[in-house]
Amino acid sequence: MKASLLTLLISTTLIGCSVFVGDGNDRPSRTFGTVWDDQMIESKGRVRIKKAHEELREAHFNIVAYNGIVLLVGQVSSEEMRLLAAETLAGLQKVRKVYNELQVAGPTSIFSRANDSWLTTKIKTKMAAAKEVDASRIKVTTENGVVYLMGMVTEEESDAAVDLTRRVYGVQKVVKALEIIQWEDIPDSLRTTEDENIPSPTDNKEEEEVIESEELI
């Protein structure tokens, strides 16, 4: 069965969101097998997309997988190529959902990509130092100034991660593609000391939200 294709709805308001709720049956952490599956999705997906059409061979895109949820970002030449790339990914085994964030535009510059890498590094560093966030369960991807957060976190961790990210200078938007889990579902081996004070959310859900960034000088 092909995974569903989801495209984010970017709000034109200062703070807008689009939330998708899942079935809540997902594991709170990735096993070694799941990590391997995610790596295979990324590597096989890149090869298959480039083989899908000649125009996609020249396209700039990145594939990020976390627990079977796949984020597709970058630039392609047409809407047809944008849809084809996502459909190609959705046909891979172990893919649960595809968030298609490809843009119909020319490829970003080397300077823009370098800036994206720098933003990702700054955000990861801040998360690693933050008591409110378990950085080991969050994956950060930046494309053309837009930061995407993936992973398995509690509601409180999700809010903290977004607040931290949006305050990093240079970030244009923060997009959450997070799986919200219950605190008691986190294995003891993955809990931090600060987690002990975090109350349990009432349910599990997959959350995808777009938030305009506050650029602080």
N, C-alpha and C. Protein backbone atom coordinates (compact mmCIF):
# COMPACT_ATOMS: atom_id res chain seq x y z
N MET A 1 0.85 -1.20 0.00
CA MET A 1 0.00 0.00 0.00
C MET A 1 0.88 1.24 0.00
N LYS A 2 0.58 2.16 -0.85
CA LYS A 2 1.38 3.38 -0.92
C LYS A 2 1.09 4.27 0.27
N ALA A 3 2.11 4.92 0.74
CA ALA A 3 1.93 5.84 1.85
C ALA A 3 1.19 7.07 1.37
N SER A 4 0.49 7.71 2.29
CA SER A 4 -0.26 8.91 1.93
C SER A 4 0.70 10.06 1.69
N LEU A 5 0.31 10.96 0.79
CA LEU A 5 1.13 12.12 0.48
C LEU A 5 0.50 13.32 1.14
N LEU A 6 1.30 14.03 1.93
CA LEU A 6 0.80 15.21 2.63
C LEU A 6 1.63 16.41 2.23
N THR A 7 0.96 17.48 1.90
CA THR A 7 1.63 18.72 1.59
C THR A 7 1.25 19.76 2.63
N LEU A 8 2.22 20.41 3.22
CA LEU A 8 1.95 21.40 4.24
C LEU A 8 1.20 22.59 3.68
N LEU A 9 0.32 23.14 4.48
CA LEU A 9 -0.40 24.35 4.12
C LEU A 9 0.25 25.50 4.86
N ILE A 10 0.92 26.37 4.13
CA ILE A 10 1.62 27.48 4.75
C ILE A 10 0.63 28.62 5.00
N SER A 11 0.53 29.02 6.24
CA SER A 11 -0.41 30.08 6.59
C SER A 11 0.18 31.44 6.26
N THR A 12 -0.69 32.36 5.92
CA THR A 12 -0.24 33.72 5.62
C THR A 12 -0.31 34.61 6.85
N THR A 13 -0.82 34.07 7.97
CA THR A 13 -0.87 34.84 9.20
C THR A 13 0.47 34.75 9.91
N LEU A 14 0.62 35.54 10.97
CA LEU A 14 1.88 35.57 11.70
C LEU A 14 2.22 34.21 12.27
N ILE A 15 1.22 33.56 12.89
CA ILE A 15 1.42 32.21 13.40
C ILE A 15 0.25 31.37 12.93
N GLY A 16 0.53 30.44 11.99
CA GLY A 16 -0.53 29.58 11.47
C GLY A 16 -0.13 28.14 11.61
N CYS A 17 -1.11 27.25 11.57
CA CYS A 17 -0.74 25.84 11.69
C CYS A 17 -1.71 24.96 10.94
N SER A 18 -1.19 23.77 10.57
CA SER A 18 -1.99 22.73 9.96
C SER A 18 -1.59 21.43 10.63
N VAL A 19 -2.52 20.80 11.35
CA VAL A 19 -2.18 19.66 12.18
C VAL A 19 -2.86 18.40 11.65
N PHE A 20 -2.10 17.30 11.59
CA PHE A 20 -2.61 16.01 11.16
C PHE A 20 -2.48 15.04 12.33
N VAL A 21 -3.57 14.38 12.70
CA VAL A 21 -3.56 13.50 13.85
C VAL A 21 -3.47 12.05 13.40
N GLY A 22 -2.51 11.29 13.99
CA GLY A 22 -2.32 9.89 13.64
C GLY A 22 -3.06 8.97 14.59
N ASP A 23 -2.74 7.64 14.51
CA ASP A 23 -3.48 6.66 15.30
C ASP A 23 -2.87 6.41 16.67
N GLY A 24 -1.68 6.98 16.95
CA GLY A 24 -1.10 6.87 18.28
C GLY A 24 -0.51 5.51 18.60
N ASN A 25 -0.28 4.67 17.60
CA ASN A 25 0.25 3.33 17.85
C ASN A 25 1.74 3.22 17.57
N ASP A 26 2.43 4.34 17.42
CA ASP A 26 3.83 4.31 17.06
C ASP A 26 4.71 4.15 18.29
N ARG A 27 5.90 3.57 18.10
CA ARG A 27 6.84 3.40 19.18
C ARG A 27 7.46 4.74 19.55
N PRO A 28 7.81 4.91 20.85
CA PRO A 28 8.36 6.20 21.28
C PRO A 28 9.82 6.40 20.93
N SER A 29 10.51 5.40 20.44
CA SER A 29 11.90 5.58 20.06
C SER A 29 12.21 4.67 18.89
N ARG A 30 13.25 5.03 18.13
CA ARG A 30 13.61 4.22 16.97
C ARG A 30 14.51 3.06 17.39
N THR A 31 14.19 1.87 16.94
CA THR A 31 15.05 0.72 17.17
C THR A 31 16.19 0.76 16.15
N PHE A 32 17.18 -0.10 16.34
CA PHE A 32 18.28 -0.17 15.37
C PHE A 32 17.73 -0.51 13.99
N GLY A 33 16.76 -1.42 13.96
CA GLY A 33 16.16 -1.80 12.67
C GLY A 33 15.46 -0.65 11.99
N THR A 34 14.78 0.18 12.80
CA THR A 34 14.08 1.33 12.24
C THR A 34 15.07 2.37 11.71
N VAL A 35 16.16 2.58 12.43
CA VAL A 35 17.19 3.51 11.97
C VAL A 35 17.74 3.03 10.63
N TRP A 36 17.99 1.72 10.52
CA TRP A 36 18.49 1.15 9.27
C TRP A 36 17.47 1.35 8.15
N ASP A 37 16.20 1.09 8.44
CA ASP A 37 15.14 1.27 7.43
C ASP A 37 15.10 2.71 6.94
N ASP A 38 15.23 3.66 7.87
CA ASP A 38 15.21 5.08 7.50
C ASP A 38 16.39 5.42 6.59
N GLN A 39 17.54 4.86 6.89
CA GLN A 39 18.71 5.12 6.05
C GLN A 39 18.53 4.54 4.65
N MET A 40 17.90 3.36 4.57
CA MET A 40 17.64 2.74 3.27
C MET A 40 16.62 3.54 2.47
N ILE A 41 15.63 4.10 3.16
CA ILE A 41 14.63 4.94 2.49
C ILE A 41 15.32 6.14 1.85
N GLU A 42 16.22 6.76 2.59
CA GLU A 42 16.92 7.94 2.09
C GLU A 42 17.80 7.62 0.89
N SER A 43 18.57 6.54 1.00
CA SER A 43 19.50 6.20 -0.09
C SER A 43 18.77 5.65 -1.31
N LYS A 44 17.85 4.73 -1.11
CA LYS A 44 17.10 4.16 -2.24
C LYS A 44 16.19 5.21 -2.86
N GLY A 45 15.62 6.08 -2.03
CA GLY A 45 14.73 7.10 -2.54
C GLY A 45 15.44 8.06 -3.48
N ARG A 46 16.65 8.45 -3.14
CA ARG A 46 17.42 9.36 -4.00
C ARG A 46 17.70 8.72 -5.35
N VAL A 47 18.09 7.45 -5.34
CA VAL A 47 18.39 6.75 -6.59
C VAL A 47 17.13 6.63 -7.46
N ARG A 48 16.03 6.26 -6.84
CA ARG A 48 14.81 6.03 -7.62
C ARG A 48 14.22 7.32 -8.17
N ILE A 49 14.32 8.39 -7.40
CA ILE A 49 13.81 9.67 -7.89
C ILE A 49 14.61 10.13 -9.11
N LYS A 50 15.91 10.01 -9.03
CA LYS A 50 16.74 10.42 -10.17
C LYS A 50 16.48 9.56 -11.41
N LYS A 51 16.08 8.31 -11.19
CA LYS A 51 15.78 7.42 -12.31
C LYS A 51 14.37 7.63 -12.85
N ALA A 52 13.52 8.27 -12.06
CA ALA A 52 12.12 8.41 -12.43
C ALA A 52 11.91 9.31 -13.65
N HIS A 53 12.77 10.32 -13.82
CA HIS A 53 12.62 11.24 -14.95
C HIS A 53 13.94 11.98 -15.16
N GLU A 54 14.21 12.29 -16.40
CA GLU A 54 15.46 12.98 -16.73
C GLU A 54 15.58 14.33 -16.03
N GLU A 55 14.45 15.05 -15.92
CA GLU A 55 14.50 16.37 -15.27
C GLU A 55 14.85 16.26 -13.78
N LEU A 56 14.48 15.14 -13.16
CA LEU A 56 14.77 14.96 -11.74
C LEU A 56 16.24 14.67 -11.48
N ARG A 57 16.96 14.26 -12.51
CA ARG A 57 18.39 14.02 -12.35
C ARG A 57 19.14 15.32 -12.05
N GLU A 58 18.61 16.42 -12.57
CA GLU A 58 19.26 17.72 -12.39
C GLU A 58 18.67 18.51 -11.23
N ALA A 59 17.65 17.96 -10.60
CA ALA A 59 16.98 18.69 -9.52
C ALA A 59 17.79 18.65 -8.24
N HIS A 60 17.61 19.69 -7.42
CA HIS A 60 18.24 19.72 -6.10
C HIS A 60 17.19 19.33 -5.08
N PHE A 61 17.40 18.21 -4.39
CA PHE A 61 16.44 17.78 -3.38
C PHE A 61 17.14 16.99 -2.29
N ASN A 62 16.49 16.93 -1.14
CA ASN A 62 16.98 16.14 -0.01
C ASN A 62 15.85 15.31 0.56
N ILE A 63 16.20 14.11 1.02
CA ILE A 63 15.23 13.19 1.61
C ILE A 63 15.64 12.94 3.05
N VAL A 64 14.71 13.12 3.97
CA VAL A 64 14.98 12.87 5.39
C VAL A 64 13.89 11.94 5.92
N ALA A 65 14.30 10.81 6.49
CA ALA A 65 13.35 9.84 7.02
C ALA A 65 13.54 9.67 8.52
N TYR A 66 12.43 9.60 9.23
CA TYR A 66 12.49 9.36 10.67
C TYR A 66 11.30 8.49 11.06
N ASN A 67 11.58 7.26 11.47
CA ASN A 67 10.53 6.33 11.87
C ASN A 67 9.51 6.10 10.75
N GLY A 68 10.00 6.05 9.51
CA GLY A 68 9.13 5.78 8.37
C GLY A 68 8.40 6.98 7.82
N ILE A 69 8.51 8.12 8.50
CA ILE A 69 7.92 9.36 8.00
C ILE A 69 9.00 10.10 7.21
N VAL A 70 8.66 10.49 5.98
CA VAL A 70 9.68 11.01 5.07
C VAL A 70 9.39 12.46 4.70
N LEU A 71 10.41 13.28 4.80
CA LEU A 71 10.34 14.68 4.39
C LEU A 71 11.11 14.85 3.09
N LEU A 72 10.48 15.47 2.11
CA LEU A 72 11.10 15.71 0.81
C LEU A 72 11.16 17.21 0.58
N VAL A 73 12.38 17.77 0.51
CA VAL A 73 12.56 19.21 0.34
C VAL A 73 13.49 19.48 -0.83
N GLY A 74 13.43 20.69 -1.35
CA GLY A 74 14.31 21.07 -2.46
C GLY A 74 13.55 21.79 -3.55
N GLN A 75 14.13 21.80 -4.74
CA GLN A 75 13.53 22.53 -5.86
C GLN A 75 13.50 21.63 -7.11
N VAL A 76 12.38 21.71 -7.83
CA VAL A 76 12.22 20.96 -9.08
C VAL A 76 11.69 21.89 -10.16
N SER A 77 11.68 21.41 -11.40
CA SER A 77 11.37 22.27 -12.54
C SER A 77 9.88 22.47 -12.79
N SER A 78 9.02 21.58 -12.28
CA SER A 78 7.59 21.71 -12.57
C SER A 78 6.75 20.99 -11.52
N GLU A 79 5.46 21.29 -11.52
CA GLU A 79 4.54 20.63 -10.60
C GLU A 79 4.48 19.13 -10.89
N GLU A 80 4.58 18.77 -12.14
CA GLU A 80 4.58 17.36 -12.52
C GLU A 80 5.76 16.62 -11.87
N MET A 81 6.93 17.24 -11.89
CA MET A 81 8.11 16.62 -11.30
C MET A 81 7.98 16.58 -9.77
N ARG A 82 7.37 17.59 -9.20
CA ARG A 82 7.17 17.63 -7.75
C ARG A 82 6.32 16.45 -7.29
N LEU A 83 5.24 16.19 -8.01
CA LEU A 83 4.35 15.09 -7.65
C LEU A 83 4.98 13.73 -7.94
N LEU A 84 5.70 13.65 -9.05
CA LEU A 84 6.35 12.40 -9.42
C LEU A 84 7.38 11.97 -8.38
N ALA A 85 8.14 12.92 -7.89
CA ALA A 85 9.16 12.62 -6.89
C ALA A 85 8.53 12.05 -5.62
N ALA A 86 7.45 12.67 -5.17
CA ALA A 86 6.78 12.21 -3.96
C ALA A 86 6.14 10.84 -4.16
N GLU A 87 5.53 10.63 -5.32
CA GLU A 87 4.91 9.34 -5.60
C GLU A 87 5.95 8.22 -5.65
N THR A 88 7.12 8.55 -6.16
CA THR A 88 8.21 7.58 -6.22
C THR A 88 8.65 7.17 -4.81
N LEU A 89 8.75 8.14 -3.92
CA LEU A 89 9.11 7.86 -2.54
C LEU A 89 8.04 7.04 -1.83
N ALA A 90 6.79 7.37 -2.08
CA ALA A 90 5.68 6.71 -1.40
C ALA A 90 5.61 5.22 -1.74
N GLY A 91 6.19 4.82 -2.87
CA GLY A 91 6.16 3.42 -3.28
C GLY A 91 7.21 2.56 -2.61
N LEU A 92 8.12 3.16 -1.85
CA LEU A 92 9.16 2.40 -1.17
C LEU A 92 8.62 1.67 0.05
N GLN A 93 9.19 0.51 0.35
CA GLN A 93 8.81 -0.23 1.54
C GLN A 93 9.21 0.56 2.79
N LYS A 94 8.42 0.40 3.84
CA LYS A 94 8.65 1.01 5.16
C LYS A 94 8.30 2.49 5.21
N VAL A 95 7.86 3.07 4.09
CA VAL A 95 7.45 4.47 4.09
C VAL A 95 6.01 4.57 4.58
N ARG A 96 5.79 5.32 5.65
CA ARG A 96 4.46 5.49 6.21
C ARG A 96 3.76 6.71 5.65
N LYS A 97 4.49 7.81 5.54
CA LYS A 97 3.93 9.05 5.01
C LYS A 97 5.04 9.83 4.32
N VAL A 98 4.64 10.65 3.36
CA VAL A 98 5.60 11.54 2.68
C VAL A 98 5.09 12.96 2.82
N TYR A 99 5.91 13.81 3.40
CA TYR A 99 5.61 15.24 3.46
C TYR A 99 6.34 15.89 2.29
N ASN A 100 5.60 16.27 1.28
CA ASN A 100 6.18 16.80 0.05
C ASN A 100 6.33 18.32 0.14
N GLU A 101 7.55 18.76 0.46
CA GLU A 101 7.83 20.18 0.57
C GLU A 101 8.72 20.68 -0.56
N LEU A 102 8.72 19.97 -1.68
CA LEU A 102 9.45 20.43 -2.86
C LEU A 102 8.82 21.72 -3.39
N GLN A 103 9.65 22.61 -3.88
CA GLN A 103 9.19 23.86 -4.47
C GLN A 103 9.50 23.88 -5.96
N VAL A 104 8.56 24.42 -6.74
CA VAL A 104 8.81 24.58 -8.18
C VAL A 104 9.61 25.87 -8.34
N ALA A 105 10.90 25.72 -8.48
CA ALA A 105 11.81 26.88 -8.54
C ALA A 105 13.18 26.40 -8.98
N GLY A 106 14.04 27.37 -9.28
CA GLY A 106 15.42 27.04 -9.61
C GLY A 106 16.15 26.59 -8.37
N PRO A 107 17.24 25.84 -8.52
CA PRO A 107 17.99 25.36 -7.37
C PRO A 107 18.57 26.50 -6.54
N THR A 108 18.67 26.29 -5.26
CA THR A 108 19.24 27.30 -4.38
C THR A 108 20.75 27.44 -4.64
N SER A 109 21.30 28.58 -4.25
CA SER A 109 22.72 28.85 -4.48
C SER A 109 23.59 28.12 -3.47
N ILE A 110 24.86 28.05 -3.74
CA ILE A 110 25.82 27.45 -2.81
C ILE A 110 25.83 28.24 -1.50
N PHE A 111 25.71 29.55 -1.60
CA PHE A 111 25.68 30.39 -0.40
C PHE A 111 24.47 30.04 0.46
N SER A 112 23.31 29.88 -0.18
CA SER A 112 22.09 29.55 0.55
C SER A 112 22.22 28.20 1.25
N ARG A 113 22.81 27.23 0.58
CA ARG A 113 22.98 25.90 1.17
C ARG A 113 23.96 25.93 2.34
N ALA A 114 24.99 26.74 2.19
CA ALA A 114 25.96 26.88 3.28
C ALA A 114 25.29 27.52 4.50
N ASN A 115 24.43 28.50 4.25
CA ASN A 115 23.70 29.15 5.33
C ASN A 115 22.75 28.17 6.01
N ASP A 116 22.11 27.31 5.21
CA ASP A 116 21.22 26.30 5.77
C ASP A 116 21.98 25.35 6.69
N SER A 117 23.16 24.94 6.27
CA SER A 117 23.98 24.05 7.09
C SER A 117 24.38 24.71 8.40
N TRP A 118 24.70 26.00 8.31
CA TRP A 118 25.08 26.76 9.50
C TRP A 118 23.91 26.90 10.46
N LEU A 119 22.71 27.16 9.93
CA LEU A 119 21.53 27.25 10.77
C LEU A 119 21.25 25.93 11.48
N THR A 120 21.35 24.84 10.73
CA THR A 120 21.13 23.52 11.32
C THR A 120 22.10 23.25 12.46
N THR A 121 23.37 23.59 12.24
CA THR A 121 24.39 23.40 13.27
C THR A 121 24.10 24.23 14.51
N LYS A 122 23.70 25.50 14.32
CA LYS A 122 23.39 26.37 15.45
C LYS A 122 22.21 25.83 16.25
N ILE A 123 21.19 25.36 15.55
CA ILE A 123 19.99 24.85 16.23
C ILE A 123 20.30 23.57 17.01
N LYS A 124 21.05 22.67 16.39
CA LYS A 124 21.42 21.42 17.07
C LYS A 124 22.25 21.69 18.31
N THR A 125 23.15 22.66 18.21
CA THR A 125 23.99 23.00 19.35
C THR A 125 23.15 23.54 20.50
N LYS A 126 22.20 24.42 20.18
CA LYS A 126 21.32 24.98 21.21
C LYS A 126 20.44 23.91 21.83
N MET A 127 19.95 22.98 21.02
CA MET A 127 19.11 21.90 21.55
C MET A 127 19.90 20.99 22.48
N ALA A 128 21.14 20.72 22.11
CA ALA A 128 21.98 19.84 22.93
C ALA A 128 22.22 20.44 24.31
N ALA A 129 22.22 21.77 24.38
CA ALA A 129 22.49 22.45 25.64
C ALA A 129 21.22 22.75 26.43
N ALA A 130 20.05 22.57 25.81
CA ALA A 130 18.79 22.93 26.45
C ALA A 130 18.30 21.81 27.36
N LYS A 131 17.88 22.17 28.56
CA LYS A 131 17.36 21.18 29.51
C LYS A 131 15.96 20.70 29.14
N GLU A 132 15.22 21.55 28.43
CA GLU A 132 13.82 21.23 28.13
C GLU A 132 13.66 20.32 26.92
N VAL A 133 14.73 20.06 26.19
CA VAL A 133 14.64 19.31 24.93
C VAL A 133 15.61 18.14 24.94
N ASP A 134 15.14 16.97 24.51
CA ASP A 134 16.03 15.83 24.32
C ASP A 134 16.43 15.80 22.85
N ALA A 135 17.60 16.37 22.57
CA ALA A 135 18.04 16.53 21.18
C ALA A 135 18.22 15.20 20.46
N SER A 136 18.39 14.11 21.20
CA SER A 136 18.61 12.81 20.58
C SER A 136 17.36 12.28 19.88
N ARG A 137 16.20 12.87 20.20
CA ARG A 137 14.95 12.42 19.57
C ARG A 137 14.38 13.44 18.60
N ILE A 138 15.20 14.40 18.17
CA ILE A 138 14.75 15.41 17.21
C ILE A 138 15.73 15.50 16.06
N LYS A 139 15.22 15.49 14.85
CA LYS A 139 16.05 15.64 13.66
C LYS A 139 15.77 17.01 13.04
N VAL A 140 16.84 17.75 12.77
CA VAL A 140 16.71 19.11 12.25
C VAL A 140 17.18 19.16 10.80
N THR A 141 16.33 19.71 9.93
CA THR A 141 16.67 19.89 8.52
C THR A 141 16.34 21.33 8.12
N THR A 142 17.25 21.98 7.41
CA THR A 142 17.02 23.36 6.96
C THR A 142 17.12 23.42 5.45
N GLU A 143 16.14 24.05 4.83
CA GLU A 143 16.13 24.23 3.38
C GLU A 143 15.67 25.64 3.06
N ASN A 144 16.61 26.43 2.50
CA ASN A 144 16.32 27.80 2.09
C ASN A 144 15.75 28.64 3.24
N GLY A 145 16.31 28.46 4.42
CA GLY A 145 15.90 29.25 5.58
C GLY A 145 14.73 28.69 6.36
N VAL A 146 14.08 27.67 5.85
CA VAL A 146 12.95 27.04 6.54
C VAL A 146 13.47 25.82 7.30
N VAL A 147 13.17 25.77 8.59
CA VAL A 147 13.67 24.68 9.44
C VAL A 147 12.55 23.67 9.70
N TYR A 148 12.85 22.41 9.44
CA TYR A 148 11.90 21.32 9.65
C TYR A 148 12.36 20.49 10.84
N LEU A 149 11.43 20.22 11.76
CA LEU A 149 11.72 19.42 12.95
C LEU A 149 10.97 18.10 12.86
N MET A 150 11.71 17.00 12.95
CA MET A 150 11.11 15.67 12.92
C MET A 150 11.57 14.93 14.17
N GLY A 151 10.78 13.94 14.59
CA GLY A 151 11.18 13.14 15.73
C GLY A 151 10.00 12.68 16.55
N MET A 152 10.31 12.12 17.72
CA MET A 152 9.29 11.59 18.63
C MET A 152 9.48 12.26 19.97
N VAL A 153 8.56 13.14 20.32
CA VAL A 153 8.72 13.98 21.51
C VAL A 153 7.40 14.14 22.24
N THR A 154 7.48 14.61 23.48
CA THR A 154 6.28 14.96 24.22
C THR A 154 5.78 16.32 23.75
N GLU A 155 4.58 16.67 24.15
CA GLU A 155 4.01 17.98 23.79
C GLU A 155 4.89 19.11 24.29
N GLU A 156 5.37 18.95 25.53
CA GLU A 156 6.19 20.00 26.13
C GLU A 156 7.53 20.14 25.40
N GLU A 157 8.13 19.01 25.01
CA GLU A 157 9.39 19.05 24.27
C GLU A 157 9.20 19.69 22.90
N SER A 158 8.06 19.40 22.28
CA SER A 158 7.75 19.98 20.98
C SER A 158 7.68 21.50 21.07
N ASP A 159 6.96 21.99 22.07
CA ASP A 159 6.83 23.44 22.25
C ASP A 159 8.19 24.08 22.53
N ALA A 160 8.99 23.43 23.36
CA ALA A 160 10.30 23.97 23.71
C ALA A 160 11.22 23.99 22.50
N ALA A 161 11.18 22.93 21.69
CA ALA A 161 12.03 22.85 20.51
C ALA A 161 11.69 23.95 19.51
N VAL A 162 10.40 24.19 19.32
CA VAL A 162 9.97 25.23 18.39
C VAL A 162 10.37 26.60 18.90
N ASP A 163 10.15 26.85 20.18
CA ASP A 163 10.49 28.15 20.75
C ASP A 163 11.99 28.43 20.62
N LEU A 164 12.79 27.41 20.86
CA LEU A 164 14.25 27.55 20.74
C LEU A 164 14.64 27.83 19.28
N THR A 165 14.05 27.07 18.37
CA THR A 165 14.42 27.18 16.96
C THR A 165 14.02 28.52 16.36
N ARG A 166 12.83 28.99 16.67
CA ARG A 166 12.35 30.21 16.05
C ARG A 166 13.13 31.44 16.50
N ARG A 167 13.88 31.32 17.59
CA ARG A 167 14.66 32.44 18.11
C ARG A 167 16.08 32.48 17.56
N VAL A 168 16.42 31.51 16.73
CA VAL A 168 17.74 31.52 16.11
C VAL A 168 17.72 32.49 14.94
N TYR A 169 18.64 33.44 14.96
CA TYR A 169 18.65 34.47 13.92
C TYR A 169 18.90 33.84 12.55
N GLY A 170 18.07 34.23 11.57
CA GLY A 170 18.20 33.72 10.21
C GLY A 170 17.13 32.71 9.83
N VAL A 171 16.44 32.18 10.84
CA VAL A 171 15.38 31.21 10.56
C VAL A 171 14.14 31.95 10.07
N GLN A 172 13.62 31.55 8.91
CA GLN A 172 12.45 32.21 8.34
C GLN A 172 11.15 31.59 8.82
N LYS A 173 11.11 30.27 8.87
CA LYS A 173 9.93 29.55 9.35
C LYS A 173 10.37 28.30 10.08
N VAL A 174 9.51 27.83 10.98
CA VAL A 174 9.73 26.56 11.66
C VAL A 174 8.55 25.66 11.31
N VAL A 175 8.86 24.49 10.77
CA VAL A 175 7.82 23.53 10.39
C VAL A 175 7.96 22.28 11.24
N LYS A 176 6.91 21.94 12.00
CA LYS A 176 6.93 20.74 12.83
C LYS A 176 6.32 19.57 12.07
N ALA A 177 7.08 18.50 11.95
CA ALA A 177 6.57 17.23 11.43
C ALA A 177 6.90 16.19 12.49
N LEU A 178 6.38 16.40 13.68
CA LEU A 178 6.75 15.63 14.87
C LEU A 178 5.66 14.63 15.24
N GLU A 179 6.08 13.51 15.80
CA GLU A 179 5.16 12.55 16.39
C GLU A 179 5.10 12.84 17.88
N ILE A 180 3.92 13.20 18.38
CA ILE A 180 3.76 13.53 19.79
C ILE A 180 3.45 12.24 20.56
N ILE A 181 4.27 11.97 21.58
CA ILE A 181 4.14 10.73 22.34
C ILE A 181 3.82 11.02 23.80
N GLN A 182 3.33 10.00 24.49
CA GLN A 182 3.08 10.12 25.92
C GLN A 182 4.39 9.95 26.68
N TRP A 183 4.53 10.71 27.74
CA TRP A 183 5.76 10.66 28.52
C TRP A 183 6.05 9.26 29.05
N GLU A 184 5.02 8.53 29.50
CA GLU A 184 5.27 7.22 30.10
C GLU A 184 5.70 6.18 29.06
N ASP A 185 5.54 6.50 27.76
CA ASP A 185 5.96 5.58 26.71
C ASP A 185 7.44 5.69 26.39
N ILE A 186 8.11 6.71 26.95
CA ILE A 186 9.54 6.87 26.71
C ILE A 186 10.31 5.88 27.58
N PRO A 187 11.14 5.01 27.01
CA PRO A 187 11.90 4.06 27.81
C PRO A 187 12.79 4.78 28.82
N ASP A 188 13.02 4.15 29.97
CA ASP A 188 13.85 4.76 31.01
C ASP A 188 15.23 5.13 30.49
N SER A 189 15.75 4.31 29.56
CA SER A 189 17.09 4.55 29.04
C SER A 189 17.18 5.82 28.21
N LEU A 190 16.02 6.33 27.73
CA LEU A 190 16.02 7.51 26.88
C LEU A 190 15.58 8.76 27.64
N ARG A 191 15.17 8.62 28.90
CA ARG A 191 14.69 9.76 29.66
C ARG A 191 15.86 10.56 30.22
N THR A 192 15.69 11.88 30.22
CA THR A 192 16.67 12.74 30.87
C THR A 192 16.16 13.09 32.26
N THR A 193 17.01 13.66 33.09
CA THR A 193 16.61 14.02 34.44
C THR A 193 15.45 15.01 34.42
N GLU A 194 15.50 15.93 33.44
CA GLU A 194 14.46 16.95 33.37
C GLU A 194 13.10 16.36 33.00
N ASP A 195 13.10 15.18 32.34
CA ASP A 195 11.84 14.57 31.94
C ASP A 195 10.96 14.22 33.13
N GLU A 196 11.55 14.02 34.29
CA GLU A 196 10.78 13.60 35.45
C GLU A 196 9.72 14.62 35.83
N ASN A 197 9.94 15.89 35.47
CA ASN A 197 9.01 16.94 35.84
C ASN A 197 8.01 17.27 34.74
N ILE A 198 8.04 16.49 33.64
CA ILE A 198 7.15 16.76 32.53
C ILE A 198 5.88 15.93 32.66
N PRO A 199 4.69 16.53 32.74
CA PRO A 199 3.45 15.76 32.84
C PRO A 199 3.15 15.04 31.54
N SER A 200 2.37 13.99 31.62
CA SER A 200 2.07 13.19 30.43
C SER A 200 0.94 13.81 29.62
N PRO A 201 1.12 13.96 28.30
CA PRO A 201 0.02 14.41 27.44
C PRO A 201 -1.09 13.37 27.46
N THR A 202 -2.28 13.74 27.04
CA THR A 202 -3.42 12.84 27.11
C THR A 202 -3.48 11.87 25.94
N ASP A 203 -2.79 12.15 24.85
CA ASP A 203 -2.84 11.24 23.72
C ASP A 203 -1.60 11.35 22.87
N ASN A 204 -1.48 10.43 21.90
CA ASN A 204 -0.39 10.47 20.93
C ASN A 204 -0.92 10.99 19.62
N LYS A 205 -0.09 11.69 18.88
CA LYS A 205 -0.53 12.17 17.57
C LYS A 205 0.68 12.54 16.74
N GLU A 206 0.45 12.58 15.44
CA GLU A 206 1.46 13.11 14.55
C GLU A 206 1.09 14.56 14.31
N GLU A 207 2.07 15.43 14.40
CA GLU A 207 1.78 16.85 14.32
C GLU A 207 2.64 17.50 13.26
N GLU A 208 1.98 18.27 12.43
CA GLU A 208 2.70 19.02 11.41
C GLU A 208 2.20 20.44 11.47
N GLU A 209 3.08 21.37 11.75
CA GLU A 209 2.65 22.74 12.01
C GLU A 209 3.67 23.71 11.44
N VAL A 210 3.14 24.82 10.93
CA VAL A 210 4.00 25.86 10.37
C VAL A 210 3.93 27.09 11.25
N ILE A 211 5.07 27.59 11.66
CA ILE A 211 5.12 28.74 12.56
C ILE A 211 6.09 29.77 12.00
N GLU A 212 5.64 31.00 11.90
CA GLU A 212 6.52 32.06 11.45
C GLU A 212 7.58 32.31 12.53
N SER A 213 8.79 32.56 12.10
CA SER A 213 9.89 32.74 13.03
C SER A 213 9.96 34.17 13.57
N GLU A 214 10.43 34.27 14.81
CA GLU A 214 10.78 35.56 15.37
C GLU A 214 12.28 35.72 15.24
N GLU A 215 12.73 36.62 14.41
CA GLU A 215 14.17 36.82 14.23
C GLU A 215 14.65 37.81 15.29
N LEU A 216 15.50 37.33 16.16
CA LEU A 216 16.02 38.16 17.22
C LEU A 216 17.45 38.56 16.93
N ILE A 217 17.71 39.81 16.90
CA ILE A 217 19.07 40.29 16.63
C ILE A 217 19.85 40.32 17.94
